[in-house]
Amino acid sequence: MQNDDREVEPMRHVGSTITIATALGAALLLSGCAPTVTAIPPTTSPTQPAPEASPEATPEAGDGDAAVGTTPRDADLTKTDFATSWRDALATGAKSFDGEPVSVSLEWNRTAWAYTVKLLSADEVYLATVNADSGAVIGEWTKHRDGGGRAGTPSNVFPADGVIEPSAAIAAALAAAPGTFEEWELEEDNGVLAYEVQIDQGHDDVDVRIDAASGKVLEVDQ
């Protein structure tokens, strides 16, 4: 029985402590002096350290969008020399396709000035779009020519030598038909290799043909 009495006494002491604490809390609330509670953040478990911040990715040399150029759309192309020439673009196309060049053009392609080169074989047509600033291939397509192998070797192939620069052709076209340059295409027509330069005059487009050898204005198509 003595052992039972010693076990009960501590329980009575705890019960008294709880009752006193409850009464003290109620008194503080009634007096408007509520205790301030400060939140203590949980400690980080030593077995689970906080993850370290990942380093930012650094692009490697040469990374970038092949379709993005550095020459702005409104650049004065009568004074602009692109890092990649139209001859370079033709050479790039020739690496991917065994054919003869029949035309090359330059126009704004969404985010860059770009060439489109056209090569023909006996039975296929190949087109490649090349960034004029970087020389990167933006896109390329191959399809069968009408008539298949019966189409034969193309006859309207043009030489890359003895041709005036596009900037000179654009300047000549703008002198004949003032406006904003849109695009040019170099190809042989009726035995004459010529630039066909498209000029935007606001209300309409004008095509000006420039002799690719002499720079002479051949025609202004209003």
Protein backbone atom coordinates (compact mmCIF):
# COMPACT_ATOMS: atom_id res chain seq x y z
CA MET A 1 0.00 0.00 0.00
CA GLN A 2 2.87 2.38 0.66
CA ASN A 3 4.15 1.88 -2.83
CA ASP A 4 0.73 2.85 -4.26
CA ASP A 5 0.72 6.09 -2.24
CA ARG A 6 4.12 7.13 -3.59
CA GLU A 7 2.98 6.56 -7.17
CA VAL A 8 -0.20 8.64 -6.76
CA GLU A 9 1.46 11.69 -5.26
CA PRO A 10 3.46 12.73 -8.35
CA MET A 11 0.28 12.48 -10.47
CA ARG A 12 -1.49 14.87 -8.10
CA HIS A 13 1.45 17.30 -8.38
CA VAL A 14 1.30 17.28 -12.18
CA GLY A 15 -2.43 17.79 -12.17
CA SER A 16 -2.01 20.82 -9.90
CA THR A 17 0.67 22.28 -12.18
CA ILE A 18 -1.57 21.96 -15.25
CA THR A 19 -4.50 23.59 -13.41
CA ILE A 20 -2.35 26.56 -12.34
CA ALA A 21 -0.95 27.05 -15.86
CA THR A 22 -4.46 26.95 -17.37
CA ALA A 23 -5.75 29.52 -14.88
CA LEU A 24 -2.77 31.80 -15.53
CA GLY A 25 -3.33 31.64 -19.30
CA ALA A 26 -7.01 32.47 -18.90
CA ALA A 27 -6.16 35.42 -16.70
CA LEU A 28 -3.73 36.81 -19.27
CA LEU A 29 -6.32 36.52 -22.05
CA LEU A 30 -8.94 38.33 -19.97
CA SER A 31 -6.53 41.13 -19.19
CA GLY A 32 -5.62 41.63 -22.88
CA CYS A 33 -2.02 40.61 -22.33
CA ALA A 34 -1.90 37.54 -24.53
CA PRO A 35 1.55 36.02 -24.67
CA THR A 36 3.55 36.45 -27.85
CA VAL A 37 4.18 33.20 -29.69
CA THR A 38 7.33 32.99 -31.80
CA ALA A 39 7.46 30.30 -34.49
CA ILE A 40 10.67 28.35 -34.44
CA PRO A 41 11.62 26.93 -37.84
CA PRO A 42 12.27 23.21 -37.94
CA THR A 43 15.91 22.27 -37.89
CA THR A 44 17.42 20.59 -40.90
CA SER A 45 18.15 16.97 -40.35
CA PRO A 46 21.90 16.34 -40.39
CA THR A 47 21.29 13.29 -42.54
CA GLN A 48 19.52 15.38 -45.24
CA PRO A 49 21.61 18.51 -46.01
CA ALA A 50 20.00 21.32 -48.00
CA PRO A 51 20.65 20.89 -51.76
CA GLU A 52 23.26 23.17 -53.25
CA ALA A 53 22.23 25.64 -55.97
CA SER A 54 22.90 24.33 -59.47
CA PRO A 55 25.33 26.40 -61.54
CA GLU A 56 23.81 28.27 -64.47
CA ALA A 57 24.25 26.59 -67.84
CA THR A 58 26.86 28.27 -69.97
CA PRO A 59 26.37 27.93 -73.73
CA GLU A 60 29.24 26.36 -75.56
CA ALA A 61 31.01 28.14 -78.36
CA GLY A 62 29.08 27.77 -81.58
CA ASP A 63 25.71 27.30 -79.88
CA GLY A 64 22.82 29.34 -81.21
CA ASP A 65 19.84 29.34 -83.51
CA ALA A 66 20.91 28.72 -87.11
CA ALA A 67 17.97 30.83 -88.31
CA VAL A 68 19.00 33.99 -86.43
CA GLY A 69 21.17 36.59 -88.15
CA THR A 70 23.14 39.63 -87.05
CA THR A 71 22.32 41.96 -89.95
CA PRO A 72 19.05 43.83 -89.24
CA ARG A 73 16.20 43.74 -91.70
CA ASP A 74 16.39 47.48 -92.36
CA ALA A 75 20.13 47.44 -93.10
CA ASP A 76 21.31 49.35 -96.18
CA LEU A 77 22.10 46.41 -98.45
CA THR A 78 23.71 48.68 -101.04
CA LYS A 79 26.60 48.94 -98.54
CA THR A 80 26.38 45.59 -96.80
CA ASP A 81 28.82 42.74 -97.29
CA PHE A 82 27.51 39.59 -95.66
CA ALA A 83 29.92 37.21 -93.99
CA THR A 84 28.57 34.52 -96.32
CA SER A 85 28.41 35.39 -100.02
CA TRP A 86 25.99 33.90 -102.50
CA ARG A 87 28.92 31.97 -103.95
CA ASP A 88 29.55 30.51 -100.49
CA ALA A 89 25.87 29.54 -100.29
CA LEU A 90 26.09 27.75 -103.65
CA ALA A 91 29.19 25.89 -102.46
CA THR A 92 27.34 24.85 -99.30
CA GLY A 93 24.49 23.45 -101.39
CA ALA A 94 26.91 21.61 -103.64
CA LYS A 95 28.29 19.74 -100.60
CA SER A 96 24.89 18.15 -100.02
CA PHE A 97 23.68 17.66 -103.58
CA ASP A 98 25.35 16.58 -106.81
CA GLY A 99 23.79 19.01 -109.27
CA GLU A 100 24.23 22.22 -111.23
CA PRO A 101 23.31 25.68 -109.87
CA VAL A 102 20.47 27.38 -111.72
CA SER A 103 19.44 30.17 -109.34
CA VAL A 104 20.20 31.89 -106.05
CA SER A 105 18.14 34.50 -104.22
CA LEU A 106 18.33 36.65 -101.09
CA GLU A 107 15.42 37.69 -98.91
CA TRP A 108 14.46 38.20 -95.29
CA ASN A 109 13.66 34.83 -93.70
CA ARG A 110 11.83 35.55 -90.41
CA THR A 111 14.89 36.46 -88.34
CA ALA A 112 17.75 36.72 -90.82
CA TRP A 113 18.77 37.57 -94.35
CA ALA A 114 19.12 34.23 -96.10
CA TYR A 115 19.97 32.82 -99.49
CA THR A 116 17.95 30.16 -101.24
CA VAL A 117 20.04 28.18 -103.70
CA LYS A 118 18.55 25.93 -106.36
CA LEU A 119 20.48 23.06 -107.94
CA LEU A 120 19.30 20.56 -110.52
CA SER A 121 20.41 17.09 -111.46
CA ALA A 122 19.02 15.04 -114.34
CA ASP A 123 16.01 13.97 -112.27
CA GLU A 124 15.95 15.97 -109.02
CA VAL A 125 15.55 19.53 -107.73
CA TYR A 126 17.43 20.61 -104.62
CA LEU A 127 16.75 23.76 -102.58
CA ALA A 128 18.71 24.96 -99.56
CA THR A 129 18.21 28.06 -97.41
CA VAL A 130 21.48 29.42 -95.98
CA ASN A 131 21.90 32.13 -93.32
CA ALA A 132 23.74 35.03 -95.00
CA ASP A 133 25.52 35.98 -91.78
CA SER A 134 26.59 32.62 -90.37
CA GLY A 135 26.50 30.34 -93.40
CA ALA A 136 24.38 27.84 -91.46
CA VAL A 137 21.83 25.79 -93.38
CA ILE A 138 18.34 26.75 -92.19
CA GLY A 139 16.53 24.17 -94.30
CA GLU A 140 16.88 21.99 -97.36
CA TRP A 141 14.53 20.05 -99.64
CA THR A 142 14.90 17.58 -102.51
CA LYS A 143 12.18 16.46 -104.90
CA HIS A 144 11.90 14.74 -108.26
CA ARG A 145 11.79 16.89 -111.36
CA ASP A 146 8.80 16.68 -113.64
CA GLY A 147 9.52 14.06 -116.27
CA GLY A 148 11.96 12.19 -114.02
CA GLY A 149 15.19 11.16 -115.74
CA ARG A 150 13.81 12.39 -119.06
CA ALA A 151 14.22 15.98 -117.85
CA GLY A 152 17.89 15.74 -118.73
CA THR A 153 20.80 17.94 -117.69
CA PRO A 154 19.74 21.54 -116.96
CA SER A 155 20.68 24.01 -119.70
CA ASN A 156 20.20 27.28 -117.79
CA VAL A 157 23.24 26.86 -115.52
CA PHE A 158 25.04 30.12 -114.80
CA PRO A 159 28.70 30.79 -114.07
CA ALA A 160 29.78 32.29 -110.75
CA ASP A 161 32.56 34.33 -112.33
CA GLY A 162 32.21 37.75 -113.97
CA VAL A 163 29.09 38.64 -111.98
CA ILE A 164 28.62 42.01 -110.26
CA GLU A 165 28.00 42.00 -106.55
CA PRO A 166 24.39 42.03 -105.30
CA SER A 167 24.96 45.40 -103.56
CA ALA A 168 25.70 46.98 -106.96
CA ALA A 169 22.60 45.39 -108.49
CA ILE A 170 20.44 46.66 -105.62
CA ALA A 171 21.85 50.18 -105.97
CA ALA A 172 21.13 50.18 -109.72
CA ALA A 173 17.59 48.91 -109.16
CA LEU A 174 16.85 51.54 -106.49
CA ALA A 175 18.13 54.27 -108.80
CA ALA A 176 15.67 53.09 -111.46
CA ALA A 177 12.76 52.53 -109.06
CA PRO A 178 13.15 54.25 -105.66
CA GLY A 179 11.69 52.40 -102.72
CA THR A 180 12.61 49.74 -100.18
CA PHE A 181 14.58 46.68 -101.20
CA GLU A 182 12.69 43.41 -100.68
CA GLU A 183 14.64 40.62 -102.39
CA TRP A 184 16.72 39.65 -105.37
CA GLU A 185 17.09 36.53 -107.50
CA LEU A 186 19.96 35.70 -109.81
CA GLU A 187 19.19 33.39 -112.71
CA GLU A 188 19.50 33.02 -116.45
CA ASP A 189 16.54 34.11 -118.54
CA ASN A 190 16.51 34.00 -122.34
CA GLY A 191 20.25 33.45 -122.38
CA VAL A 192 20.98 36.45 -120.13
CA LEU A 193 22.17 36.07 -116.56
CA ALA A 194 20.43 38.81 -114.59
CA TYR A 195 19.42 39.94 -111.13
CA GLU A 196 15.71 40.43 -110.67
CA VAL A 197 15.44 42.93 -107.82
CA GLN A 198 12.11 43.48 -106.08
CA ILE A 199 11.46 46.98 -104.75
CA ASP A 200 8.59 47.90 -102.43
CA GLN A 201 7.18 51.32 -103.35
CA GLY A 202 4.47 51.31 -100.71
CA HIS A 203 1.45 50.86 -102.93
CA ASP A 204 3.00 48.14 -105.09
CA ASP A 205 6.11 46.07 -105.79
CA VAL A 206 8.34 46.77 -108.76
CA ASP A 207 10.68 44.21 -110.34
CA VAL A 208 13.86 45.55 -111.90
CA ARG A 209 16.09 43.33 -114.03
CA ILE A 210 19.79 44.12 -113.89
CA ASP A 211 22.37 42.60 -116.23
CA ALA A 212 24.57 40.51 -113.93
CA ALA A 213 27.70 41.21 -115.98
CA SER A 214 27.43 44.92 -116.78
CA GLY A 215 25.04 46.23 -114.10
CA LYS A 216 22.84 47.76 -116.80
CA VAL A 217 19.12 48.09 -116.17
CA LEU A 218 17.38 45.72 -118.59
CA GLU A 219 13.75 46.18 -117.56
CA VAL A 220 11.51 47.82 -115.01
CA ASP A 221 8.30 45.90 -114.49
CA GLN A 222 5.81 48.24 -112.84
